[in-house]
Every structure is written in structure tokens, then in C-alpha cells.
Amino acid sequence: KTVKSAEFRRAADHITRLLIEEAVDLGWIRCQGEIPVTTPTDETVDGVRLPEDGLMAVSIVRAGESMEGPVQEIFPEARIGKILIQRDEETATPHLYYIKLPSCKSSPHVLLLDPMLATGGSCMMAIKSLLDSTDCDIKEEDIIFLNLISCPEGIENLTAAYPKVRIVSGCLDRCLNERSYILPGLGDFGDRYFGTQ
């Protein structure tokens, strides 16, 4: 509760980088082919080349944008898409306001970015928007939802609706309260990260 925004940001960025590496370890990025790589000792080994349309990161605005920097540090070639979904604070119902995705020649691998998974409503609306997109041929099994904190209710809802989407989460909290806030939770992630609380 008393952590300053700069410290919160540093910790969140570090955890996001670890989660991205965990997502890569799932073996979900299909390589285009092997290429010879010469090591500093003049040995040649087989390396891999990512597909041309390889990786797209899509952030659920605004809090998801906090995860874009670490993605681009690890994957500088990653293209970034944006989805604006806002949750009605009274009903917890998500509303889609905006979507902008890079165009693709083939089916990309997608990291869907939102630091918190509460009810799963915003995430499920984002996934539906990705699958319905005419800009790219996105497949459910090529989506990984990356988040820092989740709860059992959100995971249950998301996996029931989209069983092929993989979830990489930094922490599983206890539950949701009657207002659909994660408990014990961390408050408003976007406000804490961007220093607007």
C-alpha cells in the first residue's frame, strides 16, 4: 500500500520479463527453420529463425501497456496491438471501445497483456476480438494471456470459454470480493504503475 510508483514499476517490469521467459519456455513459438550460427570459438551450431510475422503483443489498455516495454526488450521485433475494454464498475461488465492490430501475412503468436485477471470478462472479450479480427488469422492455441496477478474465478471463467489459450500468471490470489476486486490484491494496477493514484 505504501510502495512508491517507481519501485512498483521496477518490480512489475522485472516480473513481466520473467513471465515472458516462462511463456517462451512453453515452446509455443514455432520456428521458421534452422540457421547456422558461428560461436565465438568458431564452432557452427544450429540456431533458429522466428517466423516473419512471428510475434504480436496486444495490450488491453491502459494497464496492459505497462507490459509492452519488457516485451520489446526481449522481442525487439514484436509488433504491438491495442484493445480498449473498460469494465462497468457497477456490473463488472466489459465494453469494447477500440481495437487496432498490426496486419499479418500469416498466423502470428500473440501475447495478450493485462496485469490482472479478475472475472476474466475483459480478457475473454479481448480474445473474442482477436479471433474475430480480419487483420490477422489468429488461432486460439497461438494466444498466451500474460498477467501478474489472477484469481481462481477468472482462471475458471477464461479456461471454460477458451480452453486452448494458455495463461501465464505471476501470482494466484485468494478470490474476488462482492465488487469483483481481487483479494488480497494490489489495488488499481494502472494507477500504481503510472503514478496516477
Protein backbone atom coordinates (compact mmCIF):
# COMPACT_ATOMS: atom_id res chain seq x y z
CA LYS A 1 0.00 0.00 0.00
CA THR A 2 2.88 2.38 0.72
CA VAL A 3 5.20 1.34 -2.14
CA LYS A 4 6.13 4.31 -4.31
CA SER A 5 5.26 4.26 -8.01
CA ALA A 6 8.91 3.97 -9.18
CA GLU A 7 9.54 0.92 -7.00
CA PHE A 8 6.22 -0.63 -8.05
CA ARG A 9 7.16 -0.07 -11.72
CA ARG A 10 10.60 -1.66 -11.32
CA ALA A 11 9.14 -4.74 -9.64
CA ALA A 12 6.31 -5.06 -12.19
CA ASP A 13 8.74 -4.78 -15.14
CA HIS A 14 11.03 -7.41 -13.62
CA ILE A 15 8.16 -9.83 -13.01
CA THR A 16 6.84 -9.21 -16.53
CA ARG A 17 10.23 -10.15 -18.03
CA LEU A 18 10.24 -13.38 -16.01
CA LEU A 19 6.71 -14.20 -17.18
CA ILE A 20 7.67 -13.59 -20.83
CA GLU A 21 10.57 -16.00 -20.45
CA GLU A 22 8.19 -18.54 -18.89
CA ALA A 23 5.85 -18.12 -21.86
CA VAL A 24 8.73 -18.79 -24.26
CA ASP A 25 9.61 -21.94 -22.29
CA LEU A 26 6.16 -23.34 -23.14
CA GLY A 27 7.55 -23.97 -26.63
CA TRP A 28 4.70 -22.03 -28.16
CA ILE A 29 6.72 -20.07 -30.69
CA ARG A 30 7.13 -22.21 -33.80
CA CYS A 31 10.40 -21.57 -35.56
CA GLN A 32 10.62 -20.98 -39.30
CA GLY A 33 13.72 -23.09 -39.71
CA GLU A 34 17.26 -23.73 -38.63
CA ILE A 35 20.08 -21.38 -39.49
CA PRO A 36 23.80 -21.88 -38.92
CA VAL A 37 25.25 -19.79 -36.11
CA THR A 38 29.00 -19.36 -35.57
CA THR A 39 30.03 -19.17 -31.92
CA PRO A 40 32.96 -17.08 -30.58
CA THR A 41 35.06 -20.28 -30.66
CA ASP A 42 34.41 -20.65 -34.43
CA GLU A 43 32.13 -23.63 -33.93
CA THR A 44 28.95 -23.82 -36.00
CA VAL A 45 25.70 -24.78 -34.32
CA ASP A 46 22.07 -24.86 -35.42
CA GLY A 47 20.15 -21.75 -34.45
CA VAL A 48 16.53 -20.94 -35.12
CA ARG A 49 14.75 -18.21 -37.03
CA LEU A 50 11.42 -16.88 -35.85
CA PRO A 51 8.65 -16.58 -38.46
CA GLU A 52 8.46 -13.23 -40.25
CA ASP A 53 5.08 -12.45 -38.71
CA GLY A 54 6.33 -14.18 -35.58
CA LEU A 55 5.13 -12.30 -32.55
CA MET A 56 2.44 -9.79 -31.76
CA ALA A 57 1.87 -8.34 -28.32
CA VAL A 58 -1.61 -6.95 -27.71
CA SER A 59 -2.16 -4.83 -24.63
CA ILE A 60 -5.50 -4.28 -23.01
CA VAL A 61 -5.34 -0.52 -22.47
CA ARG A 62 -4.34 1.09 -20.07
CA ALA A 63 -2.75 -1.25 -17.53
CA GLY A 64 -1.65 -3.74 -20.20
CA GLU A 65 0.51 -1.04 -21.79
CA SER A 66 2.79 -1.31 -18.76
CA MET A 67 3.89 -4.72 -20.06
CA GLU A 68 4.88 -3.58 -23.56
CA GLY A 69 8.38 -2.34 -22.62
CA PRO A 70 9.57 -5.68 -21.22
CA VAL A 71 8.11 -7.49 -24.26
CA GLN A 72 10.03 -5.23 -26.64
CA GLU A 73 13.23 -5.62 -24.61
CA ILE A 74 13.07 -9.39 -25.10
CA PHE A 75 11.49 -9.34 -28.59
CA PRO A 76 12.51 -6.07 -30.30
CA GLU A 77 10.75 -7.19 -33.49
CA ALA A 78 7.40 -7.71 -31.75
CA ARG A 79 4.57 -5.68 -33.21
CA ILE A 80 2.14 -4.06 -30.77
CA GLY A 81 -1.64 -4.02 -30.95
CA LYS A 82 -4.10 -2.24 -28.65
CA ILE A 83 -7.52 -3.12 -27.33
CA LEU A 84 -9.51 -0.71 -25.17
CA ILE A 85 -12.01 -2.52 -22.99
CA GLN A 86 -13.46 -0.82 -19.96
CA ARG A 87 -15.31 -2.54 -17.16
CA ASP A 88 -18.52 -1.07 -15.79
CA GLU A 89 -17.65 -0.59 -12.11
CA GLU A 90 -21.23 -1.33 -11.01
CA THR A 91 -21.88 -4.50 -13.02
CA ALA A 92 -18.29 -5.61 -13.84
CA THR A 93 -19.48 -6.00 -17.46
CA PRO A 94 -16.77 -5.26 -20.06
CA HIS A 95 -17.36 -2.92 -23.02
CA LEU A 96 -15.16 -2.88 -26.15
CA TYR A 97 -14.31 0.65 -27.32
CA TYR A 98 -11.31 0.25 -29.65
CA ILE A 99 -9.12 -2.36 -31.33
CA LYS A 100 -6.08 -1.77 -33.56
CA LEU A 101 -3.92 -4.70 -34.64
CA PRO A 102 -0.94 -4.87 -36.99
CA SER A 103 -1.77 -6.60 -40.27
CA CYS A 104 -0.24 -10.05 -40.78
CA LYS A 105 0.65 -12.31 -43.69
CA SER A 106 0.27 -15.43 -41.59
CA SER A 107 -1.00 -16.59 -38.22
CA PRO A 108 1.01 -14.79 -35.52
CA HIS A 109 1.82 -15.83 -31.99
CA VAL A 110 0.05 -13.45 -29.62
CA LEU A 111 0.97 -12.35 -26.14
CA LEU A 112 -2.18 -10.80 -24.69
CA LEU A 113 -1.11 -8.37 -21.97
CA ASP A 114 -3.13 -7.33 -18.92
CA PRO A 115 -1.54 -7.38 -15.47
CA MET A 116 -4.67 -8.53 -13.63
CA LEU A 117 -7.19 -11.32 -14.24
CA ALA A 118 -10.27 -10.80 -12.05
CA THR A 119 -13.59 -12.02 -13.52
CA GLY A 120 -12.00 -12.72 -16.90
CA GLY A 121 -14.62 -10.62 -18.70
CA SER A 122 -12.20 -8.13 -20.29
CA CYS A 123 -9.74 -10.85 -21.23
CA MET A 124 -12.45 -13.00 -22.83
CA MET A 125 -13.76 -10.02 -24.80
CA ALA A 126 -10.20 -9.28 -25.96
CA ILE A 127 -9.70 -12.90 -27.06
CA LYS A 128 -13.01 -12.90 -28.95
CA SER A 129 -11.94 -9.65 -30.66
CA LEU A 130 -8.60 -11.21 -31.65
CA LEU A 131 -10.22 -14.35 -33.03
CA ASP A 132 -12.83 -12.31 -34.95
CA SER A 133 -10.23 -9.92 -36.41
CA THR A 134 -10.00 -9.67 -40.19
CA ASP A 135 -6.48 -8.13 -39.96
CA CYS A 136 -4.86 -11.43 -38.97
CA ASP A 137 -5.68 -15.12 -38.86
CA ILE A 138 -5.19 -15.54 -35.11
CA LYS A 139 -5.75 -19.01 -33.69
CA GLU A 140 -6.83 -19.68 -30.12
CA GLU A 141 -3.90 -22.02 -29.48
CA ASP A 142 -1.45 -19.27 -30.52
CA ILE A 143 -2.57 -16.92 -27.73
CA ILE A 144 -0.88 -16.70 -24.35
CA PHE A 145 -2.52 -14.46 -21.78
CA LEU A 146 0.22 -12.91 -19.66
CA ASN A 147 -0.69 -11.39 -16.28
CA LEU A 148 0.96 -10.64 -12.99
CA ILE A 149 -1.90 -11.49 -10.65
CA SER A 150 -5.00 -13.62 -11.07
CA CYS A 151 -7.69 -15.33 -9.03
CA PRO A 152 -9.40 -18.73 -9.28
CA GLU A 153 -12.69 -17.28 -10.59
CA GLY A 154 -11.01 -15.56 -13.51
CA ILE A 155 -8.93 -18.59 -14.45
CA GLU A 156 -12.00 -20.84 -14.28
CA ASN A 157 -14.07 -18.49 -16.47
CA LEU A 158 -11.28 -18.00 -19.02
CA THR A 159 -10.37 -21.68 -19.36
CA ALA A 160 -14.04 -22.65 -19.71
CA ALA A 161 -14.55 -20.14 -22.54
CA TYR A 162 -11.17 -20.57 -24.29
CA PRO A 163 -9.53 -23.87 -23.29
CA LYS A 164 -6.70 -23.59 -25.87
CA VAL A 165 -5.49 -20.19 -24.63
CA ARG A 166 -2.58 -20.59 -22.25
CA ILE A 167 -2.31 -18.47 -19.12
CA VAL A 168 1.00 -17.40 -17.60
CA SER A 169 0.42 -15.69 -14.27
CA GLY A 170 2.87 -14.45 -11.66
CA CYS A 171 0.58 -14.97 -8.68
CA LEU A 172 -2.72 -16.64 -7.84
CA ASP A 173 -4.59 -14.63 -5.21
CA ARG A 174 -7.37 -15.94 -2.99
CA CYS A 175 -10.65 -14.78 -4.54
CA LEU A 176 -12.85 -11.92 -5.74
CA ASN A 177 -14.89 -9.79 -3.37
CA GLU A 178 -18.52 -8.73 -3.93
CA ARG A 179 -17.33 -5.83 -6.15
CA SER A 180 -15.23 -8.21 -8.31
CA TYR A 181 -11.92 -6.94 -6.94
CA ILE A 182 -9.09 -9.42 -6.41
CA LEU A 183 -8.30 -10.21 -2.75
CA PRO A 184 -5.87 -9.62 -1.20
CA GLY A 185 -4.95 -7.90 -4.47
CA LEU A 186 -2.85 -4.82 -5.13
CA GLY A 187 -5.36 -2.09 -5.90
CA ASP A 188 -5.56 -0.32 -9.26
CA PHE A 189 -2.52 -1.58 -11.16
CA GLY A 190 -2.59 1.17 -13.80
CA ASP A 191 -2.76 3.95 -11.23
CA ARG A 192 0.07 2.44 -9.20
CA TYR A 193 2.27 1.77 -12.24
CA PHE A 194 1.74 5.12 -13.96
CA GLY A 195 1.68 7.14 -10.73
CA THR A 196 -1.84 8.49 -11.22
CA GLN A 197 -3.43 7.33 -7.96
